Protein backbone atom coordinates (compact mmCIF):
# COMPACT_ATOMS: atom_id res chain seq x y z
CA MET A 1 0.00 0.00 0.00
CA PHE A 2 2.65 2.49 0.98
CA THR A 3 5.55 3.13 -1.34
CA SER A 4 8.43 5.31 -0.37
CA LYS A 5 12.05 6.09 -1.04
CA PRO A 6 14.41 4.56 1.51
CA ILE A 7 15.04 6.62 4.59
CA ILE A 8 18.23 6.01 6.46
CA THR A 9 17.90 6.70 10.14
CA LEU A 10 18.97 4.47 12.93
CA LEU A 11 15.45 4.11 14.24
CA LEU A 12 13.84 3.22 10.94
CA VAL A 13 16.54 0.78 9.93
CA ALA A 14 16.31 -0.89 13.32
CA THR A 15 12.52 -0.90 13.17
CA SER A 16 12.49 -2.45 9.70
CA ALA A 17 14.92 -5.14 10.81
CA THR A 18 13.02 -5.83 14.02
CA TYR A 19 9.65 -6.12 12.29
CA SER A 20 10.67 -7.88 9.10
CA GLN A 21 9.33 -11.05 10.72
CA LYS A 22 5.68 -11.36 11.61
CA VAL A 23 5.18 -10.17 15.16
CA GLU A 24 1.84 -10.46 16.85
CA GLY A 25 0.38 -7.29 18.27
CA GLU A 26 -3.03 -6.13 19.30
CA THR A 27 -5.70 -5.17 16.80
CA ALA A 28 -7.35 -1.76 17.05
CA THR A 29 -9.81 0.23 14.97
CA VAL A 30 -8.68 3.77 14.29
CA ILE A 31 -11.40 6.24 15.24
CA ARG A 32 -9.55 9.35 14.08
CA ALA A 33 -6.18 11.05 13.88
CA ILE A 34 -5.60 13.68 16.54
CA ASP A 35 -2.58 14.85 14.56
CA GLY A 36 0.07 13.20 12.40
CA ASP A 37 1.65 11.25 15.27
CA THR A 38 -1.30 10.58 17.60
CA LEU A 39 -4.41 8.46 17.03
CA LYS A 40 -7.63 7.75 18.88
CA VAL A 41 -8.36 4.02 18.62
CA SER A 42 -10.75 1.40 19.93
CA ILE A 43 -9.25 -1.79 21.37
CA ASP A 44 -11.86 -4.38 22.27
CA GLY A 45 -14.41 -1.58 22.72
CA LYS A 46 -12.14 0.53 24.95
CA TYR A 47 -10.95 3.90 23.68
CA GLU A 48 -7.24 4.64 23.87
CA THR A 49 -4.92 7.34 22.58
CA VAL A 50 -1.87 6.02 20.74
CA ARG A 51 1.37 7.96 20.18
CA LEU A 52 3.41 6.65 17.26
CA ILE A 53 6.86 5.51 18.35
CA GLY A 54 9.73 7.30 16.64
CA VAL A 55 7.59 9.96 14.97
CA ASN A 56 7.04 13.66 15.55
CA ALA A 57 4.57 15.58 13.41
CA PRO A 58 3.64 19.27 13.57
CA GLU A 59 1.25 20.04 16.42
CA MET A 60 -2.40 20.89 15.91
CA LYS A 61 -2.76 22.24 19.44
CA ASP A 62 -0.21 23.24 22.02
CA LYS A 63 0.87 26.38 23.84
CA ARG A 64 1.46 28.28 20.61
CA PRO A 65 -1.41 30.46 19.39
CA GLN A 66 -1.32 29.04 15.85
CA VAL A 67 -1.35 25.56 14.36
CA GLN A 68 2.15 24.57 13.24
CA CYS A 69 3.04 24.55 9.55
CA PHE A 70 1.86 21.32 7.80
CA ALA A 71 0.01 20.10 10.90
CA LYS A 72 -3.33 20.07 9.08
CA GLU A 73 -1.84 18.14 6.15
CA ALA A 74 -0.23 15.53 8.43
CA LYS A 75 -3.49 15.05 10.36
CA ALA A 76 -5.55 14.87 7.15
CA LYS A 77 -3.25 12.23 5.64
CA ALA A 78 -3.31 10.10 8.79
CA ASP A 79 -7.11 10.43 8.94
CA PHE A 80 -7.50 9.53 5.26
CA LEU A 81 -5.28 6.46 5.45
CA LEU A 82 -6.19 5.08 8.89
CA SER A 83 -9.63 6.22 10.11
CA ASN A 84 -12.18 3.39 10.29
CA PHE A 85 -9.53 0.78 9.46
CA ASP A 86 -8.25 -2.00 11.64
CA VAL A 87 -4.54 -1.71 12.40
CA ARG A 88 -2.03 -3.81 14.28
CA LEU A 89 -0.39 -2.09 17.24
CA GLU A 90 2.99 -3.28 18.42
CA ALA A 91 4.88 -2.19 21.51
CA ASP A 92 8.65 -1.78 21.58
CA PRO A 93 10.26 -3.58 24.51
CA SER A 94 12.96 -0.87 24.66
CA GLN A 95 10.32 1.80 25.30
CA ALA A 96 7.78 2.40 28.05
CA ASP A 97 4.24 1.12 27.48
CA ARG A 98 2.81 4.64 27.95
CA ASP A 99 4.17 8.18 27.82
CA LYS A 100 3.84 10.82 30.54
CA TYR A 101 0.39 11.78 29.15
CA GLY A 102 -0.93 8.22 29.45
CA ARG A 103 -0.88 7.52 25.70
CA LEU A 104 0.03 4.05 24.48
CA LEU A 105 3.39 4.06 22.65
CA ARG A 106 3.10 1.82 19.60
CA TYR A 107 4.19 1.01 16.08
CA VAL A 108 1.11 1.10 13.84
CA PHE A 109 0.74 -1.35 10.95
CA LEU A 110 -1.94 -1.13 8.25
CA LYS A 111 -1.86 -4.62 6.77
CA ASP A 112 1.90 -5.25 6.70
CA ASP A 113 2.94 -1.62 6.17
CA LEU A 114 4.52 0.34 9.02
CA PHE A 115 2.67 3.65 9.12
CA ASN A 116 5.29 5.20 11.43
CA LYS A 117 7.90 4.78 8.70
CA TRP A 118 5.58 5.83 5.87
CA ILE A 119 4.51 9.17 7.37
CA ILE A 120 8.17 10.13 7.83
CA ALA A 121 9.15 8.96 4.35
CA LYS A 122 6.41 11.09 2.79
CA GLY A 123 7.55 14.21 4.67
CA TYR A 124 4.54 14.66 6.95
CA ALA A 125 6.64 14.07 10.07
CA TYR A 126 10.21 13.48 11.13
CA GLU A 127 12.04 10.82 13.10
CA TYR A 128 12.02 11.49 16.81
CA THR A 129 13.56 9.33 19.49
CA PHE A 130 12.42 10.29 22.97
CA ASP A 131 14.20 7.54 24.88
CA ARG A 132 17.11 5.72 23.33
CA PRO A 133 17.09 1.94 23.78
CA VAL A 134 19.34 0.74 26.59
């Protein structure tokens, strides 16, 4: 589904290598994109907020008075591609399960395509490593 030019960053290379084999995760239905790196999902009927691991997209809302440049485009693309679809969520054992805001930290797969990698490759977000693996 997603096609992209190769991106060479430590995180994405490591992620691709780690997930080249089938890894079981939990299935969720995407309700909507909050922005390009955060989703509202339903997991077994329970609503959760998911923060994409390794991704930072422009903010729709924060302390700044204006929406950041390309935030609307990143949110719209995530909404278009993911809303109302079932995705596979996978945790990273080198990261916490949740961030300081209580959001699940996950890799998001639509079919076998890693959305975290795709949104960076297409220029809607950039690679962001909050905590480096130990």
